[in-house]
């Protein structure tokens, strides 16, 4: 906590878990965070070795912030905190999530016993950002993509409809009729994939 315990620090690390982001990207993902505090937290996280800065070549010529190998190693700690928080009766599963937050929640809440039974590439487009979850042998790495891809694909403008689908177990047809989620590909595989995810039982 002495290294990364300042307010917003873990959230910044979270937003960088799926790849480097520009300052403006981080501001957009964390709208309550001021530019001043973001600048300070980025500097402190760089000072402890959790992230680094890199300038993109022309024509982009912009600066991105990326996690170091040690920074990426924080994900298991984030997952443990996520599972712990979800077991509180005060946990609200309908709060807004950034696209990265949602994808990391899937990596956290997947059933490790059931996951090895399914090998599948699943695409997500959420709030204009696209990701590919490559489920194989029980592991599910996630990476950003330039365009939607995958055997099945889920698309939504915000995270809440996907939260209702994956954790609230809303029926696919109902979610689609509401117009909040768009699903492409094999429906049986989509059902089997969604079944891999659940919030843990409450302890408090």
C-alpha atoms as a PDB file:
ATOM      1  CA  UNK A   1       0.000   0.000   0.000  1.00  0.00           C
ATOM      2  CA  UNK A   2       2.955   2.318   0.523  1.00  0.00           C
ATOM      3  CA  UNK A   3       3.898   1.781  -3.134  1.00  0.00           C
ATOM      4  CA  UNK A   4       0.516   2.044  -4.870  1.00  0.00           C
ATOM      5  CA  UNK A   5      -1.950   2.891  -2.098  1.00  0.00           C
ATOM      6  CA  UNK A   6      -2.692   6.498  -3.051  1.00  0.00           C
ATOM      7  CA  UNK A   7      -6.238   7.167  -4.195  1.00  0.00           C
ATOM      8  CA  UNK A   8      -6.712   6.381  -7.910  1.00  0.00           C
ATOM      9  CA  UNK A   9      -3.397   4.532  -8.255  1.00  0.00           C
ATOM     10  CA  UNK A  10      -4.891   1.027  -8.501  1.00  0.00           C
ATOM     11  CA  UNK A  11      -7.585   2.272 -10.875  1.00  0.00           C
ATOM     12  CA  UNK A  12      -4.919   3.704 -13.171  1.00  0.00           C
ATOM     13  CA  UNK A  13      -3.043   0.397 -13.081  1.00  0.00           C
ATOM     14  CA  UNK A  14      -6.309  -1.368 -13.881  1.00  0.00           C
ATOM     15  CA  UNK A  15      -6.925   0.806 -16.955  1.00  0.00           C
ATOM     16  CA  UNK A  16      -3.435  -0.040 -18.248  1.00  0.00           C
ATOM     17  CA  UNK A  17      -3.778  -3.823 -17.771  1.00  0.00           C
ATOM     18  CA  UNK A  18      -4.802  -4.434 -21.387  1.00  0.00           C
ATOM     19  CA  UNK A  19      -2.174  -2.210 -22.962  1.00  0.00           C
ATOM     20  CA  UNK A  20      -0.771   1.288 -23.102  1.00  0.00           C
ATOM     21  CA  UNK A  21      -3.060   4.330 -23.037  1.00  0.00           C
ATOM     22  CA  UNK A  22      -2.673   7.990 -23.751  1.00  0.00           C
ATOM     23  CA  UNK A  23      -3.302  10.591 -21.043  1.00  0.00           C
ATOM     24  CA  UNK A  24      -6.581  11.524 -22.735  1.00  0.00           C
ATOM     25  CA  UNK A  25      -7.655   7.848 -22.798  1.00  0.00           C
ATOM     26  CA  UNK A  26      -7.096   7.556 -19.061  1.00  0.00           C
ATOM     27  CA  UNK A  27      -9.064  10.761 -18.412  1.00  0.00           C
ATOM     28  CA  UNK A  28     -11.952   9.403 -20.489  1.00  0.00           C
ATOM     29  CA  UNK A  29     -11.953   6.075 -18.606  1.00  0.00           C
ATOM     30  CA  UNK A  30     -11.747   7.776 -15.194  1.00  0.00           C
ATOM     31  CA  UNK A  31     -13.927  10.875 -15.656  1.00  0.00           C
ATOM     32  CA  UNK A  32     -13.967  11.802 -11.947  1.00  0.00           C
ATOM     33  CA  UNK A  33     -10.164  12.013 -11.882  1.00  0.00           C
ATOM     34  CA  UNK A  34      -8.780  15.514 -12.468  1.00  0.00           C
ATOM     35  CA  UNK A  35      -5.924  16.123 -14.887  1.00  0.00           C
ATOM     36  CA  UNK A  36      -3.778  17.398 -12.009  1.00  0.00           C
ATOM     37  CA  UNK A  37      -4.237  14.306  -9.847  1.00  0.00           C
ATOM     38  CA  UNK A  38      -3.791  11.985 -12.840  1.00  0.00           C
ATOM     39  CA  UNK A  39      -0.491  13.683 -13.652  1.00  0.00           C
ATOM     40  CA  UNK A  40       0.644  13.263 -10.045  1.00  0.00           C
ATOM     41  CA  UNK A  41      -0.367   9.606  -9.855  1.00  0.00           C
ATOM     42  CA  UNK A  42       1.282   8.745 -13.165  1.00  0.00           C
ATOM     43  CA  UNK A  43       4.493  10.335 -11.926  1.00  0.00           C
ATOM     44  CA  UNK A  44       4.401   8.430  -8.626  1.00  0.00           C
ATOM     45  CA  UNK A  45       3.643   5.107 -10.341  1.00  0.00           C
ATOM     46  CA  UNK A  46       6.506   5.714 -12.746  1.00  0.00           C
ATOM     47  CA  UNK A  47       8.790   6.558  -9.835  1.00  0.00           C
ATOM     48  CA  UNK A  48       8.104   3.219  -8.103  1.00  0.00           C
ATOM     49  CA  UNK A  49       8.592   1.301 -11.360  1.00  0.00           C
ATOM     50  CA  UNK A  50       4.991   0.249 -12.050  1.00  0.00           C
ATOM     51  CA  UNK A  51       4.700   2.043 -15.385  1.00  0.00           C
ATOM     52  CA  UNK A  52       6.772   3.743 -18.033  1.00  0.00           C
ATOM     53  CA  UNK A  53       6.217   6.345 -20.735  1.00  0.00           C
ATOM     54  CA  UNK A  54       6.826   5.852 -24.438  1.00  0.00           C
ATOM     55  CA  UNK A  55       6.480   8.236 -27.345  1.00  0.00           C
ATOM     56  CA  UNK A  56       4.776   6.800 -30.403  1.00  0.00           C
ATOM     57  CA  UNK A  57       6.484   7.359 -33.764  1.00  0.00           C
ATOM     58  CA  UNK A  58       4.979   9.724 -36.389  1.00  0.00           C
ATOM     59  CA  UNK A  59       2.338  10.288 -37.523  1.00  0.00           C
ATOM     60  CA  UNK A  60       0.842   9.632 -34.063  1.00  0.00           C
ATOM     61  CA  UNK A  61       3.744  11.246 -32.175  1.00  0.00           C
ATOM     62  CA  UNK A  62       1.796  11.032 -28.910  1.00  0.00           C
ATOM     63  CA  UNK A  63       2.911   9.753 -25.534  1.00  0.00           C
ATOM     64  CA  UNK A  64       1.495   6.553 -24.052  1.00  0.00           C
ATOM     65  CA  UNK A  65       1.745   5.115 -20.574  1.00  0.00           C
ATOM     66  CA  UNK A  66       2.442   1.389 -20.289  1.00  0.00           C
ATOM     67  CA  UNK A  67       2.850  -1.000 -17.380  1.00  0.00           C
ATOM     68  CA  UNK A  68       6.203  -2.542 -16.673  1.00  0.00           C
ATOM     69  CA  UNK A  69       6.518  -6.291 -16.161  1.00  0.00           C
ATOM     70  CA  UNK A  70       6.168  -5.637 -12.430  1.00  0.00           C
ATOM     71  CA  UNK A  71       3.114  -3.462 -13.053  1.00  0.00           C
ATOM     72  CA  UNK A  72       1.376  -6.236 -14.986  1.00  0.00           C
ATOM     73  CA  UNK A  73       2.111  -8.598 -12.101  1.00  0.00           C
ATOM     74  CA  UNK A  74      -0.427  -6.658 -10.006  1.00  0.00           C
ATOM     75  CA  UNK A  75      -3.377  -8.300 -11.798  1.00  0.00           C
ATOM     76  CA  UNK A  76      -3.715 -11.273  -9.397  1.00  0.00           C
ATOM     77  CA  UNK A  77      -3.890  -8.817  -6.483  1.00  0.00           C
ATOM     78  CA  UNK A  78      -6.596  -6.853  -8.316  1.00  0.00           C
ATOM     79  CA  UNK A  79      -8.528 -10.050  -8.985  1.00  0.00           C
ATOM     80  CA  UNK A  80      -8.356 -11.034  -5.313  1.00  0.00           C
ATOM     81  CA  UNK A  81      -9.633  -7.591  -4.295  1.00  0.00           C
ATOM     82  CA  UNK A  82     -12.395  -7.814  -6.912  1.00  0.00           C
ATOM     83  CA  UNK A  83     -13.592 -11.193  -5.631  1.00  0.00           C
ATOM     84  CA  UNK A  84     -13.400  -9.920  -2.041  1.00  0.00           C
ATOM     85  CA  UNK A  85     -15.422  -6.781  -2.849  1.00  0.00           C
ATOM     86  CA  UNK A  86     -18.071  -8.780  -4.744  1.00  0.00           C
ATOM     87  CA  UNK A  87     -18.723 -10.874  -1.620  1.00  0.00           C
ATOM     88  CA  UNK A  88     -19.957  -7.821   0.309  1.00  0.00           C
ATOM     89  CA  UNK A  89     -23.715  -7.208   0.507  1.00  0.00           C
ATOM     90  CA  UNK A  90     -22.895  -3.559  -0.204  1.00  0.00           C
ATOM     91  CA  UNK A  91     -21.403  -4.464  -3.591  1.00  0.00           C
ATOM     92  CA  UNK A  92     -23.467  -2.916  -6.389  1.00  0.00           C
ATOM     93  CA  UNK A  93     -23.079  -4.967  -9.600  1.00  0.00           C
ATOM     94  CA  UNK A  94     -24.843  -2.262 -11.624  1.00  0.00           C
ATOM     95  CA  UNK A  95     -22.343   0.539 -11.123  1.00  0.00           C
ATOM     96  CA  UNK A  96     -20.768   1.899 -14.340  1.00  0.00           C
ATOM     97  CA  UNK A  97     -17.653   0.071 -15.517  1.00  0.00           C
ATOM     98  CA  UNK A  98     -15.079   1.114 -18.084  1.00  0.00           C
ATOM     99  CA  UNK A  99     -14.519  -1.303 -20.990  1.00  0.00           C
ATOM    100  CA  UNK A 100     -11.236  -2.471 -19.428  1.00  0.00           C
ATOM    101  CA  UNK A 101     -12.941  -2.949 -16.047  1.00  0.00           C
ATOM    102  CA  UNK A 102     -15.552  -5.201 -17.606  1.00  0.00           C
ATOM    103  CA  UNK A 103     -13.006  -7.324 -19.466  1.00  0.00           C
ATOM    104  CA  UNK A 104     -10.899  -7.723 -16.325  1.00  0.00           C
ATOM    105  CA  UNK A 105     -14.023  -8.676 -14.373  1.00  0.00           C
ATOM    106  CA  UNK A 106     -14.510 -11.584 -16.776  1.00  0.00           C
ATOM    107  CA  UNK A 107     -10.924 -12.699 -16.197  1.00  0.00           C
ATOM    108  CA  UNK A 108     -11.624 -12.501 -12.457  1.00  0.00           C
ATOM    109  CA  UNK A 109     -15.030 -14.195 -12.293  1.00  0.00           C
ATOM    110  CA  UNK A 110     -14.508 -17.061 -14.749  1.00  0.00           C
ATOM    111  CA  UNK A 111     -15.104 -20.541 -13.326  1.00  0.00           C
ATOM    112  CA  UNK A 112     -11.637 -22.163 -13.424  1.00  0.00           C
ATOM    113  CA  UNK A 113     -13.119 -25.661 -13.166  1.00  0.00           C
ATOM    114  CA  UNK A 114     -15.505 -25.259 -16.118  1.00  0.00           C
ATOM    115  CA  UNK A 115     -13.342 -23.090 -18.380  1.00  0.00           C
ATOM    116  CA  UNK A 116     -11.062 -25.893 -19.710  1.00  0.00           C
ATOM    117  CA  UNK A 117     -14.081 -27.537 -21.387  1.00  0.00           C
ATOM    118  CA  UNK A 118     -14.388 -24.724 -23.927  1.00  0.00           C
ATOM    119  CA  UNK A 119     -11.834 -23.327 -26.410  1.00  0.00           C
ATOM    120  CA  UNK A 120     -13.198 -20.243 -28.091  1.00  0.00           C
ATOM    121  CA  UNK A 121     -12.304 -16.793 -29.421  1.00  0.00           C
ATOM    122  CA  UNK A 122     -14.842 -14.253 -28.201  1.00  0.00           C
ATOM    123  CA  UNK A 123     -14.984 -10.669 -29.400  1.00  0.00           C
ATOM    124  CA  UNK A 124     -16.329  -7.710 -27.460  1.00  0.00           C
ATOM    125  CA  UNK A 125     -17.033  -4.181 -28.607  1.00  0.00           C
ATOM    126  CA  UNK A 126     -17.906  -1.978 -25.665  1.00  0.00           C
ATOM    127  CA  UNK A 127     -18.259   1.798 -25.844  1.00  0.00           C
ATOM    128  CA  UNK A 128     -16.384   1.776 -29.148  1.00  0.00           C
ATOM    129  CA  UNK A 129     -13.417  -0.276 -27.857  1.00  0.00           C
ATOM    130  CA  UNK A 130     -12.851  -3.790 -29.225  1.00  0.00           C
ATOM    131  CA  UNK A 131     -11.255  -6.736 -27.419  1.00  0.00           C
ATOM    132  CA  UNK A 132     -10.608 -10.404 -28.137  1.00  0.00           C
ATOM    133  CA  UNK A 133     -10.837 -12.946 -25.313  1.00  0.00           C
ATOM    134  CA  UNK A 134      -8.990 -16.118 -26.371  1.00  0.00           C
ATOM    135  CA  UNK A 135     -10.268 -18.885 -24.100  1.00  0.00           C
ATOM    136  CA  UNK A 136      -8.055 -21.978 -24.312  1.00  0.00           C
ATOM    137  CA  UNK A 137      -7.049 -24.673 -21.818  1.00  0.00           C
ATOM    138  CA  UNK A 138      -8.735 -22.782 -18.994  1.00  0.00           C
ATOM    139  CA  UNK A 139      -6.834 -19.525 -19.547  1.00  0.00           C
ATOM    140  CA  UNK A 140      -8.409 -16.424 -21.066  1.00  0.00           C
ATOM    141  CA  UNK A 141      -5.940 -13.741 -22.119  1.00  0.00           C
ATOM    142  CA  UNK A 142      -7.574 -10.576 -23.450  1.00  0.00           C
ATOM    143  CA  UNK A 143      -6.107  -8.150 -25.963  1.00  0.00           C
ATOM    144  CA  UNK A 144      -7.301  -5.046 -27.753  1.00  0.00           C
ATOM    145  CA  UNK A 145      -8.159  -5.321 -31.430  1.00  0.00           C
ATOM    146  CA  UNK A 146      -8.641  -2.733 -34.147  1.00  0.00           C
ATOM    147  CA  UNK A 147     -11.894  -4.303 -35.321  1.00  0.00           C
ATOM    148  CA  UNK A 148     -14.464  -6.754 -33.937  1.00  0.00           C
ATOM    149  CA  UNK A 149     -13.476 -10.406 -34.372  1.00  0.00           C
ATOM    150  CA  UNK A 150     -14.141 -13.811 -32.792  1.00  0.00           C
ATOM    151  CA  UNK A 151     -16.320 -16.869 -33.280  1.00  0.00           C
ATOM    152  CA  UNK A 152     -18.996 -15.105 -31.253  1.00  0.00           C
ATOM    153  CA  UNK A 153     -19.173 -11.382 -30.607  1.00  0.00           C
ATOM    154  CA  UNK A 154     -20.913  -9.201 -28.045  1.00  0.00           C
ATOM    155  CA  UNK A 155     -21.477  -5.500 -28.593  1.00  0.00           C
ATOM    156  CA  UNK A 156     -22.920  -2.868 -26.232  1.00  0.00           C
ATOM    157  CA  UNK A 157     -22.703   0.874 -25.815  1.00  0.00           C
ATOM    158  CA  UNK A 158     -22.147   0.651 -22.039  1.00  0.00           C
ATOM    159  CA  UNK A 159     -21.203  -2.152 -19.660  1.00  0.00           C
ATOM    160  CA  UNK A 160     -24.487  -2.500 -17.728  1.00  0.00           C
ATOM    161  CA  UNK A 161     -26.354  -4.624 -20.311  1.00  0.00           C
ATOM    162  CA  UNK A 162     -23.389  -7.017 -20.445  1.00  0.00           C
ATOM    163  CA  UNK A 163     -23.296  -7.189 -16.643  1.00  0.00           C
ATOM    164  CA  UNK A 164     -26.967  -8.195 -16.648  1.00  0.00           C
ATOM    165  CA  UNK A 165     -26.241 -10.815 -19.295  1.00  0.00           C
ATOM    166  CA  UNK A 166     -23.110 -12.368 -17.761  1.00  0.00           C
ATOM    167  CA  UNK A 167     -23.795 -11.985 -14.037  1.00  0.00           C
ATOM    168  CA  UNK A 168     -27.555 -11.430 -13.838  1.00  0.00           C
ATOM    169  CA  UNK A 169     -28.085 -14.283 -16.348  1.00  0.00           C
ATOM    170  CA  UNK A 170     -30.606 -12.291 -18.370  1.00  0.00           C
ATOM    171  CA  UNK A 171     -31.782 -14.445 -21.323  1.00  0.00           C
ATOM    172  CA  UNK A 172     -30.035 -13.679 -24.607  1.00  0.00           C
ATOM    173  CA  UNK A 173     -33.288 -13.099 -26.479  1.00  0.00           C
ATOM    174  CA  UNK A 174     -34.507 -10.674 -23.839  1.00  0.00           C
ATOM    175  CA  UNK A 175     -31.254  -8.697 -23.900  1.00  0.00           C
ATOM    176  CA  UNK A 176     -31.361  -8.468 -27.680  1.00  0.00           C
ATOM    177  CA  UNK A 177     -35.030  -7.453 -27.768  1.00  0.00           C
ATOM    178  CA  UNK A 178     -34.205  -4.593 -25.404  1.00  0.00           C
ATOM    179  CA  UNK A 179     -31.673  -3.407 -27.984  1.00  0.00           C
ATOM    180  CA  UNK A 180     -28.930  -3.024 -25.384  1.00  0.00           C
ATOM    181  CA  UNK A 181     -26.775  -5.956 -26.538  1.00  0.00           C
ATOM    182  CA  UNK A 182     -25.972  -7.191 -30.031  1.00  0.00           C
ATOM    183  CA  UNK A 183     -24.767 -10.785 -30.377  1.00  0.00           C
ATOM    184  CA  UNK A 184     -23.201 -12.359 -33.461  1.00  0.00           C
ATOM    185  CA  UNK A 185     -22.299 -16.014 -33.968  1.00  0.00           C
ATOM    186  CA  UNK A 186     -23.277 -19.421 -32.613  1.00  0.00           C
ATOM    187  CA  UNK A 187     -25.980 -19.018 -29.958  1.00  0.00           C
ATOM    188  CA  UNK A 188     -25.222 -22.321 -28.240  1.00  0.00           C
ATOM    189  CA  UNK A 189     -21.580 -21.312 -27.826  1.00  0.00           C
ATOM    190  CA  UNK A 190     -22.688 -17.908 -26.525  1.00  0.00           C
ATOM    191  CA  UNK A 191     -24.853 -19.612 -23.866  1.00  0.00           C
ATOM    192  CA  UNK A 192     -22.000 -21.935 -22.880  1.00  0.00           C
ATOM    193  CA  UNK A 193     -19.553 -19.038 -22.655  1.00  0.00           C
ATOM    194  CA  UNK A 194     -21.844 -16.870 -20.523  1.00  0.00           C
ATOM    195  CA  UNK A 195     -22.398 -19.831 -18.163  1.00  0.00           C
ATOM    196  CA  UNK A 196     -18.690 -19.745 -17.231  1.00  0.00           C
ATOM    197  CA  UNK A 197     -19.080 -16.500 -15.268  1.00  0.00           C
ATOM    198  CA  UNK A 198     -20.754 -15.795 -11.922  1.00  0.00           C
ATOM    199  CA  UNK A 199     -20.343 -13.508  -8.951  1.00  0.00           C
ATOM    200  CA  UNK A 200     -19.247 -15.252  -5.733  1.00  0.00           C
ATOM    201  CA  UNK A 201     -21.705 -15.790  -2.841  1.00  0.00           C
ATOM    202  CA  UNK A 202     -21.977 -13.030  -0.235  1.00  0.00           C
ATOM    203  CA  UNK A 203     -20.067 -13.293   3.034  1.00  0.00           C
ATOM    204  CA  UNK A 204     -21.056  -9.992   4.628  1.00  0.00           C
END
